[in-house]
Amino acid sequence: MSNHLSKATKQIGMTQKQSLRQPAQKLYEELNAVEETLQFYDKDIMKIYTGSELGKAIGEIEGVGPITATAILSLGNLNVFKNGRQFAAFLGLTPREHSSGNKQRLLGINANSG
C-alpha cells in the first residue's frame, strides 16, 4: 500500500496543482501511521498465537488463521456455549435459510446469512 501511495504522492508533487500537494502528503502520512499500527497489532497477535499450543491447534482448522484463533483464545472459557451451534451463532456464522410454509430448509453456513 505504501508503495502505491508513494508513487501517487510523487506524481502529485510533479504536477502544477499546488492545492493537491499538501492534502496528498497529509493523507500519505496518515496512511503510513495506520499501516504502522496494523503491523504492531499483527506482531502482537502473532506473539500470542505462536505462544499458545491451543492457539496453534485452533489455527490448524481449515479457514482459521492466527487472527481468528487468537480471537477465540481471548474468549476464555468456551464451556459457556452449550454446543457448537451456539458458538457458531456467537461468531455470526449462521445457516442460510430457504423456508416456505411449514418447511424449513437450512443451507450452507456463512457469515452474511443472518
N, C-alpha and C. Protein backbone atom coordinates (compact mmCIF):
# COMPACT_ATOMS: atom_id res chain seq x y z
N MET A 1 0.82 -1.18 0.00
CA MET A 1 0.00 0.00 0.00
C MET A 1 0.87 1.25 0.00
N SER A 2 1.91 1.29 0.79
CA SER A 2 2.77 2.46 0.87
C SER A 2 3.43 2.76 -0.46
N ASN A 3 3.81 1.71 -1.16
CA ASN A 3 4.49 1.90 -2.43
C ASN A 3 3.60 2.63 -3.43
N HIS A 4 2.34 2.23 -3.51
CA HIS A 4 1.41 2.88 -4.43
C HIS A 4 1.18 4.33 -4.02
N LEU A 5 1.05 4.56 -2.72
CA LEU A 5 0.84 5.92 -2.25
C LEU A 5 2.05 6.80 -2.48
N SER A 6 3.22 6.22 -2.29
CA SER A 6 4.44 6.97 -2.52
C SER A 6 4.53 7.43 -3.96
N LYS A 7 4.22 6.52 -4.89
CA LYS A 7 4.23 6.89 -6.31
C LYS A 7 3.21 7.98 -6.61
N ALA A 8 2.01 7.83 -6.05
CA ALA A 8 0.95 8.82 -6.28
C ALA A 8 1.36 10.18 -5.73
N THR A 9 1.96 10.18 -4.54
CA THR A 9 2.39 11.44 -3.92
C THR A 9 3.46 12.12 -4.77
N LYS A 10 4.40 11.35 -5.29
CA LYS A 10 5.45 11.91 -6.14
C LYS A 10 4.86 12.49 -7.42
N GLN A 11 3.88 11.79 -7.99
CA GLN A 11 3.24 12.29 -9.21
C GLN A 11 2.50 13.59 -8.94
N ILE A 12 1.82 13.68 -7.81
CA ILE A 12 1.12 14.91 -7.46
C ILE A 12 2.13 16.02 -7.22
N GLY A 13 3.26 15.68 -6.60
CA GLY A 13 4.31 16.67 -6.36
C GLY A 13 4.87 17.24 -7.65
N MET A 14 4.84 16.47 -8.73
CA MET A 14 5.36 16.93 -10.01
C MET A 14 4.33 17.75 -10.80
N THR A 15 3.11 17.72 -10.38
CA THR A 15 2.08 18.46 -11.12
C THR A 15 2.11 19.92 -10.73
N GLN A 16 1.39 20.71 -11.47
CA GLN A 16 1.28 22.14 -11.20
C GLN A 16 0.25 22.41 -10.12
N LYS A 17 -0.50 21.42 -9.70
CA LYS A 17 -1.60 21.60 -8.74
C LYS A 17 -1.06 21.69 -7.32
N GLN A 18 -0.67 22.86 -6.92
CA GLN A 18 -0.17 23.09 -5.56
C GLN A 18 -1.23 22.72 -4.53
N SER A 19 -2.50 22.95 -4.88
CA SER A 19 -3.59 22.69 -3.93
C SER A 19 -3.72 21.21 -3.58
N LEU A 20 -3.19 20.32 -4.42
CA LEU A 20 -3.26 18.88 -4.15
C LEU A 20 -2.08 18.36 -3.35
N ARG A 21 -0.99 19.07 -3.35
CA ARG A 21 0.24 18.56 -2.71
C ARG A 21 0.08 18.35 -1.21
N GLN A 22 -0.37 19.36 -0.53
CA GLN A 22 -0.46 19.27 0.93
C GLN A 22 -1.48 18.22 1.38
N PRO A 23 -2.71 18.19 0.84
CA PRO A 23 -3.64 17.14 1.26
C PRO A 23 -3.14 15.73 0.94
N ALA A 24 -2.49 15.58 -0.21
CA ALA A 24 -1.96 14.26 -0.59
C ALA A 24 -0.86 13.83 0.37
N GLN A 25 0.01 14.76 0.75
CA GLN A 25 1.08 14.45 1.68
C GLN A 25 0.52 14.08 3.05
N LYS A 26 -0.51 14.81 3.49
CA LYS A 26 -1.14 14.52 4.79
C LYS A 26 -1.79 13.14 4.76
N LEU A 27 -2.48 12.83 3.69
CA LEU A 27 -3.11 11.52 3.54
C LEU A 27 -2.07 10.42 3.56
N TYR A 28 -0.98 10.64 2.86
CA TYR A 28 0.13 9.67 2.81
C TYR A 28 0.67 9.42 4.23
N GLU A 29 0.87 10.48 4.99
CA GLU A 29 1.39 10.35 6.35
C GLU A 29 0.40 9.61 7.26
N GLU A 30 -0.89 9.92 7.11
CA GLU A 30 -1.90 9.25 7.93
C GLU A 30 -1.98 7.77 7.60
N LEU A 31 -1.93 7.43 6.32
CA LEU A 31 -1.99 6.02 5.93
C LEU A 31 -0.75 5.26 6.38
N ASN A 32 0.39 5.92 6.36
CA ASN A 32 1.60 5.28 6.88
C ASN A 32 1.47 5.00 8.37
N ALA A 33 0.88 5.94 9.11
CA ALA A 33 0.67 5.74 10.55
C ALA A 33 -0.28 4.58 10.80
N VAL A 34 -1.34 4.48 10.01
CA VAL A 34 -2.29 3.36 10.16
C VAL A 34 -1.58 2.04 9.84
N GLU A 35 -0.77 2.04 8.80
CA GLU A 35 -0.04 0.82 8.43
C GLU A 35 0.91 0.39 9.55
N GLU A 36 1.60 1.34 10.17
CA GLU A 36 2.49 1.02 11.29
C GLU A 36 1.70 0.44 12.46
N THR A 37 0.55 1.00 12.74
CA THR A 37 -0.30 0.49 13.82
C THR A 37 -0.75 -0.93 13.53
N LEU A 38 -1.17 -1.18 12.30
CA LEU A 38 -1.58 -2.54 11.92
C LEU A 38 -0.44 -3.53 12.06
N GLN A 39 0.76 -3.13 11.66
CA GLN A 39 1.92 -4.01 11.79
C GLN A 39 2.21 -4.31 13.26
N PHE A 40 2.05 -3.31 14.12
CA PHE A 40 2.25 -3.51 15.55
C PHE A 40 1.28 -4.57 16.08
N TYR A 41 -0.01 -4.42 15.73
CA TYR A 41 -1.01 -5.38 16.23
C TYR A 41 -0.83 -6.76 15.60
N ASP A 42 -0.43 -6.81 14.34
CA ASP A 42 -0.16 -8.11 13.70
C ASP A 42 0.95 -8.85 14.45
N LYS A 43 2.01 -8.15 14.82
CA LYS A 43 3.11 -8.77 15.57
C LYS A 43 2.63 -9.24 16.93
N ASP A 44 1.81 -8.41 17.58
CA ASP A 44 1.27 -8.76 18.90
C ASP A 44 0.40 -10.01 18.80
N ILE A 45 -0.46 -10.07 17.80
CA ILE A 45 -1.33 -11.23 17.59
C ILE A 45 -0.48 -12.47 17.32
N MET A 46 0.55 -12.34 16.51
CA MET A 46 1.40 -13.50 16.20
C MET A 46 2.15 -13.99 17.44
N LYS A 47 2.54 -13.08 18.33
CA LYS A 47 3.19 -13.50 19.59
C LYS A 47 2.24 -14.34 20.43
N ILE A 48 1.02 -13.87 20.55
CA ILE A 48 0.01 -14.60 21.34
C ILE A 48 -0.26 -15.95 20.68
N TYR A 49 -0.44 -15.94 19.37
CA TYR A 49 -0.77 -17.15 18.62
C TYR A 49 0.34 -18.20 18.72
N THR A 50 1.57 -17.79 18.46
CA THR A 50 2.68 -18.75 18.47
C THR A 50 3.05 -19.18 19.88
N GLY A 51 2.67 -18.38 20.88
CA GLY A 51 2.98 -18.72 22.27
C GLY A 51 1.96 -19.63 22.91
N SER A 52 0.95 -20.03 22.16
CA SER A 52 -0.10 -20.86 22.74
C SER A 52 -0.29 -22.13 21.91
N GLU A 53 -0.15 -23.27 22.57
CA GLU A 53 -0.38 -24.55 21.89
C GLU A 53 -1.83 -24.66 21.43
N LEU A 54 -2.76 -24.20 22.27
CA LEU A 54 -4.17 -24.24 21.91
C LEU A 54 -4.44 -23.33 20.71
N GLY A 55 -3.81 -22.17 20.72
CA GLY A 55 -3.97 -21.25 19.60
C GLY A 55 -3.50 -21.87 18.30
N LYS A 56 -2.34 -22.54 18.35
CA LYS A 56 -1.82 -23.20 17.14
C LYS A 56 -2.74 -24.32 16.69
N ALA A 57 -3.30 -25.05 17.65
CA ALA A 57 -4.22 -26.15 17.30
C ALA A 57 -5.49 -25.60 16.65
N ILE A 58 -6.01 -24.51 17.20
CA ILE A 58 -7.19 -23.88 16.60
C ILE A 58 -6.85 -23.37 15.20
N GLY A 59 -5.67 -22.82 15.05
CA GLY A 59 -5.23 -22.28 13.77
C GLY A 59 -5.06 -23.32 12.69
N GLU A 60 -4.95 -24.58 13.05
CA GLU A 60 -4.81 -25.65 12.06
C GLU A 60 -6.14 -26.03 11.42
N ILE A 61 -7.24 -25.56 11.98
CA ILE A 61 -8.56 -25.82 11.41
C ILE A 61 -8.66 -25.06 10.09
N GLU A 62 -9.18 -25.72 9.09
CA GLU A 62 -9.29 -25.08 7.77
C GLU A 62 -10.13 -23.80 7.86
N GLY A 63 -9.61 -22.73 7.31
CA GLY A 63 -10.31 -21.45 7.30
C GLY A 63 -10.07 -20.60 8.54
N VAL A 64 -9.29 -21.12 9.49
CA VAL A 64 -8.99 -20.38 10.71
C VAL A 64 -7.51 -20.02 10.69
N GLY A 65 -7.22 -18.76 10.83
CA GLY A 65 -5.84 -18.30 10.86
C GLY A 65 -5.48 -17.75 12.22
N PRO A 66 -4.32 -17.11 12.30
CA PRO A 66 -3.86 -16.57 13.58
C PRO A 66 -4.81 -15.55 14.20
N ILE A 67 -5.43 -14.70 13.39
CA ILE A 67 -6.31 -13.67 13.94
C ILE A 67 -7.55 -14.31 14.57
N THR A 68 -8.19 -15.21 13.84
CA THR A 68 -9.39 -15.87 14.36
C THR A 68 -9.04 -16.74 15.57
N ALA A 69 -7.94 -17.47 15.50
CA ALA A 69 -7.54 -18.33 16.61
C ALA A 69 -7.28 -17.50 17.86
N THR A 70 -6.62 -16.37 17.71
CA THR A 70 -6.34 -15.51 18.86
C THR A 70 -7.63 -14.91 19.41
N ALA A 71 -8.56 -14.56 18.53
CA ALA A 71 -9.85 -14.04 18.99
C ALA A 71 -10.59 -15.10 19.80
N ILE A 72 -10.55 -16.35 19.33
CA ILE A 72 -11.20 -17.44 20.07
C ILE A 72 -10.53 -17.65 21.42
N LEU A 73 -9.20 -17.58 21.44
CA LEU A 73 -8.48 -17.70 22.71
C LEU A 73 -8.89 -16.61 23.69
N SER A 74 -9.14 -15.42 23.18
CA SER A 74 -9.47 -14.30 24.06
C SER A 74 -10.83 -14.47 24.74
N LEU A 75 -11.66 -15.37 24.21
CA LEU A 75 -12.98 -15.60 24.81
C LEU A 75 -12.87 -16.29 26.16
N GLY A 76 -11.78 -17.00 26.37
CA GLY A 76 -11.60 -17.69 27.64
C GLY A 76 -12.29 -19.03 27.65
N ASN A 77 -13.20 -19.22 28.59
CA ASN A 77 -13.89 -20.49 28.80
C ASN A 77 -14.96 -20.70 27.73
N LEU A 78 -14.72 -21.63 26.83
CA LEU A 78 -15.68 -21.92 25.77
C LEU A 78 -16.81 -22.83 26.24
N ASN A 79 -16.72 -23.32 27.47
CA ASN A 79 -17.76 -24.19 28.01
C ASN A 79 -19.06 -23.44 28.29
N VAL A 80 -19.04 -22.11 28.16
CA VAL A 80 -20.27 -21.34 28.34
C VAL A 80 -21.25 -21.59 27.19
N PHE A 81 -20.76 -22.13 26.09
CA PHE A 81 -21.62 -22.48 24.96
C PHE A 81 -22.07 -23.92 25.11
N LYS A 82 -23.38 -24.14 24.99
CA LYS A 82 -23.92 -25.50 25.14
C LYS A 82 -23.44 -26.43 24.04
N ASN A 83 -23.29 -25.88 22.84
CA ASN A 83 -22.88 -26.73 21.72
C ASN A 83 -22.21 -25.86 20.65
N GLY A 84 -21.74 -26.52 19.63
CA GLY A 84 -21.06 -25.83 18.54
C GLY A 84 -21.95 -24.84 17.81
N ARG A 85 -23.22 -25.15 17.76
CA ARG A 85 -24.16 -24.26 17.06
C ARG A 85 -24.26 -22.91 17.78
N GLN A 86 -24.30 -22.93 19.11
CA GLN A 86 -24.34 -21.68 19.87
C GLN A 86 -23.06 -20.87 19.65
N PHE A 87 -21.94 -21.57 19.65
CA PHE A 87 -20.66 -20.91 19.43
C PHE A 87 -20.61 -20.28 18.04
N ALA A 88 -21.06 -21.03 17.03
CA ALA A 88 -21.08 -20.51 15.67
C ALA A 88 -21.99 -19.29 15.57
N ALA A 89 -23.12 -19.33 16.23
CA ALA A 89 -24.05 -18.18 16.21
C ALA A 89 -23.40 -16.97 16.89
N PHE A 90 -22.66 -17.21 17.97
CA PHE A 90 -21.95 -16.14 18.65
C PHE A 90 -20.95 -15.47 17.71
N LEU A 91 -20.30 -16.27 16.89
CA LEU A 91 -19.33 -15.75 15.92
C LEU A 91 -20.00 -15.08 14.72
N GLY A 92 -21.32 -15.26 14.62
CA GLY A 92 -22.04 -14.68 13.49
C GLY A 92 -22.14 -15.60 12.30
N LEU A 93 -21.82 -16.86 12.50
CA LEU A 93 -21.92 -17.85 11.43
C LEU A 93 -23.26 -18.56 11.56
N THR A 94 -24.15 -18.26 10.65
CA THR A 94 -25.49 -18.84 10.72
C THR A 94 -25.83 -19.50 9.40
N PRO A 95 -26.67 -20.55 9.43
CA PRO A 95 -27.03 -21.20 8.17
C PRO A 95 -27.95 -20.32 7.33
N ARG A 96 -27.75 -20.37 6.02
CA ARG A 96 -28.69 -19.69 5.13
C ARG A 96 -30.00 -20.44 5.21
N GLU A 97 -31.07 -19.72 5.13
CA GLU A 97 -32.37 -20.35 5.28
C GLU A 97 -33.20 -20.13 4.02
N HIS A 98 -33.84 -21.19 3.59
CA HIS A 98 -34.78 -21.12 2.46
C HIS A 98 -36.03 -21.85 2.92
N SER A 99 -36.99 -21.09 3.43
CA SER A 99 -38.18 -21.70 4.02
C SER A 99 -39.43 -21.19 3.34
N SER A 100 -40.41 -22.04 3.33
CA SER A 100 -41.73 -21.63 2.86
C SER A 100 -42.77 -22.48 3.57
N GLY A 101 -43.86 -21.85 3.97
CA GLY A 101 -44.90 -22.60 4.66
C GLY A 101 -44.38 -23.22 5.93
N ASN A 102 -44.62 -24.52 6.06
CA ASN A 102 -44.19 -25.25 7.26
C ASN A 102 -42.81 -25.88 7.09
N LYS A 103 -42.22 -25.78 5.90
CA LYS A 103 -40.92 -26.41 5.66
C LYS A 103 -39.79 -25.41 5.88
N GLN A 104 -38.88 -25.82 6.74
CA GLN A 104 -37.70 -25.00 6.99
C GLN A 104 -36.49 -25.74 6.43
N ARG A 105 -35.75 -25.06 5.55
CA ARG A 105 -34.54 -25.66 4.96
C ARG A 105 -33.35 -24.79 5.31
N LEU A 106 -32.39 -25.39 5.99
CA LEU A 106 -31.17 -24.70 6.33
C LEU A 106 -30.10 -25.13 5.34
N LEU A 107 -29.46 -24.16 4.73
CA LEU A 107 -28.45 -24.44 3.71
C LEU A 107 -27.06 -24.24 4.31
N GLY A 108 -26.10 -23.93 3.49
CA GLY A 108 -24.71 -23.76 3.95
C GLY A 108 -24.56 -22.63 4.93
N ILE A 109 -23.48 -22.69 5.70
CA ILE A 109 -23.22 -21.68 6.73
C ILE A 109 -22.31 -20.60 6.14
N ASN A 110 -22.66 -19.36 6.44
CA ASN A 110 -21.78 -18.26 6.08
C ASN A 110 -21.96 -17.14 7.08
N ALA A 111 -21.14 -16.11 6.96
CA ALA A 111 -21.17 -15.02 7.93
C ALA A 111 -22.14 -13.92 7.54
N ASN A 112 -22.79 -14.04 6.40
CA ASN A 112 -23.69 -12.98 5.94
C ASN A 112 -25.15 -13.38 5.94
N SER A 113 -25.47 -14.51 6.49
CA SER A 113 -26.84 -15.02 6.40
C SER A 113 -27.83 -14.26 7.25
N GLY A 114 -27.42 -13.93 8.44
CA GLY A 114 -28.41 -13.50 9.37
C GLY A 114 -28.42 -12.11 9.74
